[in-house]
Amino acid sequence: MKIKGKISNFYQYSFPTQAVLVTCNNEKGKTNIITIAWHSTISKDPPLYGISVAPSRYSHDLIEKTKEFVINFAPISLVDKVHFCGTHSGRKTDKTKETNLTLIPGEKLKVPIIKECFAHFECKLYQKQIIGDHTLFIGEVLNILVDKDAFKEDILQNKNIKPTYYIGGNKYTTVDDMIKNF
């Protein structure tokens, strides 16, 4: 039996989606971290990845001004930090200090990566598009860094890494080890 879903909450029905921590800097080089659940591959050639950010978010202004950001893929062991970064504003809170996440230099940008995460996309702003009540920031992926044990032949090893997935509200989950080969 099917029941009517709420159009006002349409996006809830697409969850779970991986929650990522996006790092971006202000013009003085101070880093902010924002949790993003609305993100996606946009193009393979050139390599483009998009994040959707509300204009009211502090990171929105930072990305617009510096035109750089890093997408950091977080394991479920960081779920408390992922939630904190998604529920506190960088205008008022130093999220790096409050979460004790370790920022280390990337290879291509001034924006650092988060050491505790298992994969990182260093992105230079390629294009931005206002779509509804959010801005889609499309970044050209200039560099990818991954933990050596996280991937085998570019496939995530679930037994080694449990990614953080957002399922709506204040709830998170992860994936199990089952892999179905075809």
Protein backbone atom coordinates (compact mmCIF):
# COMPACT_ATOMS: atom_id res chain seq x y z
CA MET A 1 0.00 0.00 0.00
CA LYS A 2 1.29 3.46 -0.91
CA ILE A 3 0.57 6.61 1.09
CA LYS A 4 0.94 10.25 0.10
CA GLY A 5 4.35 11.81 0.80
CA LYS A 6 4.83 15.47 1.67
CA ILE A 7 6.13 17.56 -1.22
CA SER A 8 7.50 20.06 1.32
CA ASN A 9 9.82 17.29 2.56
CA PHE A 10 10.56 15.71 -0.84
CA TYR A 11 14.32 15.64 -0.24
CA GLN A 12 13.85 13.47 2.89
CA TYR A 13 12.72 10.61 0.64
CA SER A 14 16.07 10.60 -1.18
CA PHE A 15 18.08 9.94 2.00
CA PRO A 16 20.35 8.38 3.06
CA THR A 17 23.12 10.37 1.47
CA GLN A 18 26.71 10.59 2.54
CA ALA A 19 27.42 13.51 4.84
CA VAL A 20 30.68 15.27 4.01
CA LEU A 21 32.70 17.94 5.78
CA VAL A 22 33.58 20.81 3.46
CA THR A 23 36.51 23.02 4.41
CA CYS A 24 36.81 26.56 3.12
CA ASN A 25 38.85 29.58 4.15
CA ASN A 26 38.08 33.22 4.72
CA GLU A 27 40.21 35.85 2.99
CA LYS A 28 42.68 35.80 5.90
CA GLY A 29 43.17 32.03 5.66
CA LYS A 30 41.06 30.98 8.68
CA THR A 31 39.27 27.71 7.98
CA ASN A 32 35.60 26.94 8.46
CA ILE A 33 33.96 23.52 8.24
CA ILE A 34 30.42 22.96 7.00
CA THR A 35 28.52 19.67 6.86
CA ILE A 36 26.89 19.03 3.49
CA ALA A 37 24.45 16.26 2.62
CA TRP A 38 23.39 17.71 -0.73
CA HIS A 39 26.33 16.98 -3.03
CA SER A 40 27.03 15.03 -6.21
CA THR A 41 29.32 14.18 -9.08
CA ILE A 42 28.46 16.54 -11.94
CA SER A 43 30.85 15.58 -14.75
CA LYS A 44 33.59 13.07 -15.45
CA ASP A 45 35.42 15.18 -18.06
CA PRO A 46 36.23 17.69 -16.79
CA PRO A 47 36.07 16.25 -13.26
CA LEU A 48 33.35 18.34 -11.58
CA TYR A 49 31.68 17.90 -8.20
CA GLY A 50 28.82 19.99 -6.82
CA ILE A 51 27.78 21.06 -3.34
CA SER A 52 24.53 22.80 -2.54
CA VAL A 53 24.81 25.59 0.04
CA ALA A 54 22.13 27.97 1.32
CA PRO A 55 23.10 31.66 0.92
CA SER A 56 22.52 32.22 4.64
CA ARG A 57 25.37 29.86 5.54
CA TYR A 58 28.73 31.41 6.47
CA SER A 59 30.59 29.03 4.14
CA HIS A 60 28.55 30.30 1.19
CA ASP A 61 30.26 33.70 1.40
CA LEU A 62 33.69 32.13 1.93
CA ILE A 63 33.44 29.93 -1.16
CA GLU A 64 32.13 32.84 -3.24
CA LYS A 65 35.09 35.01 -2.24
CA THR A 66 38.00 32.56 -2.26
CA LYS A 67 36.67 30.23 -4.98
CA GLU A 68 38.14 27.16 -3.29
CA PHE A 69 36.83 24.32 -1.13
CA VAL A 70 37.74 20.78 -0.11
CA ILE A 71 35.23 17.97 0.24
CA ASN A 72 36.30 15.67 3.09
CA PHE A 73 34.58 12.28 3.36
CA ALA A 74 34.05 11.41 7.02
CA PRO A 75 33.84 7.98 8.65
CA ILE A 76 30.99 7.24 11.07
CA SER A 77 33.48 7.50 13.95
CA LEU A 78 33.32 11.28 13.38
CA VAL A 79 29.51 11.46 13.44
CA ASP A 80 29.44 13.73 16.52
CA LYS A 81 31.78 16.17 14.77
CA VAL A 82 29.83 15.93 11.51
CA HIS A 83 26.65 16.81 13.39
CA PHE A 84 28.33 19.66 15.30
CA CYS A 85 29.67 21.24 12.10
CA GLY A 86 26.21 21.03 10.54
CA THR A 87 24.39 22.62 13.48
CA HIS A 88 26.73 25.47 14.47
CA SER A 89 27.61 28.58 12.50
CA GLY A 90 31.21 29.40 11.69
CA ARG A 91 30.33 33.07 12.14
CA LYS A 92 30.16 32.49 15.90
CA THR A 93 32.05 29.24 16.46
CA ASP A 94 35.56 28.03 15.65
CA LYS A 95 34.48 24.56 14.56
CA THR A 96 38.04 23.29 14.19
CA LYS A 97 38.80 24.19 17.79
CA GLU A 98 35.48 22.89 19.14
CA THR A 99 35.69 19.53 17.33
CA ASN A 100 39.45 18.99 17.65
CA LEU A 101 39.60 18.01 14.00
CA THR A 102 43.12 18.16 12.57
CA LEU A 103 43.67 20.44 9.59
CA ILE A 104 46.64 19.61 7.38
CA PRO A 105 47.75 21.17 4.11
CA GLY A 106 46.41 19.72 0.91
CA GLU A 107 48.53 19.66 -2.21
CA LYS A 108 46.84 22.08 -4.62
CA LEU A 109 44.92 24.69 -2.63
CA LYS A 110 45.29 26.98 0.36
CA VAL A 111 42.29 25.27 1.93
CA PRO A 112 43.36 22.41 4.24
CA ILE A 113 42.07 18.86 4.39
CA ILE A 114 40.78 17.14 7.54
CA LYS A 115 43.27 14.46 8.57
CA GLU A 116 40.66 12.21 10.22
CA CYS A 117 38.64 11.88 7.00
CA PHE A 118 39.31 9.07 4.50
CA ALA A 119 39.08 10.91 1.16
CA HIS A 120 39.47 14.50 0.01
CA PHE A 121 38.54 16.34 -3.20
CA GLU A 122 40.43 19.61 -3.61
CA CYS A 123 38.13 21.81 -5.71
CA LYS A 124 38.55 25.14 -7.47
CA LEU A 125 35.25 26.90 -8.16
CA TYR A 126 34.31 26.17 -11.76
CA GLN A 127 30.82 27.60 -11.79
CA LYS A 128 28.03 28.60 -9.46
CA GLN A 129 24.35 28.48 -10.16
CA ILE A 130 21.52 29.79 -8.02
CA ILE A 131 18.91 27.05 -8.03
CA GLY A 132 15.84 27.70 -5.90
CA ASP A 133 16.83 28.58 -2.34
CA HIS A 134 20.41 27.21 -2.63
CA THR A 135 23.54 27.88 -4.65
CA LEU A 136 25.09 24.96 -6.46
CA PHE A 137 28.84 25.44 -6.23
CA ILE A 138 30.47 23.32 -8.90
CA GLY A 139 34.10 22.65 -8.23
CA GLU A 140 36.68 21.33 -10.64
CA VAL A 141 38.41 18.50 -8.81
CA LEU A 142 42.11 19.40 -9.03
CA ASN A 143 43.41 16.71 -6.69
CA ILE A 144 42.23 13.68 -4.75
CA LEU A 145 43.87 12.35 -1.61
CA VAL A 146 42.72 9.08 0.00
CA ASP A 147 43.77 6.92 2.92
CA LYS A 148 45.71 3.98 1.50
CA ASP A 149 43.55 1.41 3.33
CA ALA A 150 40.23 3.02 2.41
CA PHE A 151 40.13 1.97 -1.25
CA LYS A 152 41.20 -1.02 -3.30
CA GLU A 153 41.20 -0.50 -7.05
CA ASP A 154 39.32 2.76 -6.36
CA ILE A 155 36.46 0.92 -4.61
CA LEU A 156 35.66 1.86 -1.01
CA GLN A 157 36.50 -0.94 1.39
CA ASN A 158 33.52 -0.97 3.76
CA LYS A 159 35.26 -3.36 6.14
CA ASN A 160 37.97 -0.70 6.69
CA ILE A 161 35.92 2.47 6.40
CA LYS A 162 32.33 3.10 7.47
CA PRO A 163 31.18 6.34 5.81
CA THR A 164 28.74 8.68 7.54
CA TYR A 165 25.30 8.78 5.96
CA TYR A 166 22.65 11.35 6.84
CA ILE A 167 19.09 10.00 7.02
CA GLY A 168 17.23 13.18 8.01
CA GLY A 169 16.50 15.17 11.14
CA ASN A 170 19.35 14.59 13.58
CA LYS A 171 19.92 10.98 12.50
CA TYR A 172 22.88 9.26 10.86
CA THR A 173 23.78 5.73 9.79
CA THR A 174 26.47 3.84 7.89
CA VAL A 175 26.72 0.93 5.44
CA ASP A 176 27.40 -2.71 6.18
CA ASP A 177 30.02 -4.94 4.57
CA MET A 178 27.74 -6.65 2.07
CA ILE A 179 28.87 -6.22 -1.51
CA LYS A 180 26.92 -7.69 -4.41
CA ASN A 181 29.06 -8.38 -7.47
CA PHE A 182 27.49 -8.69 -10.93
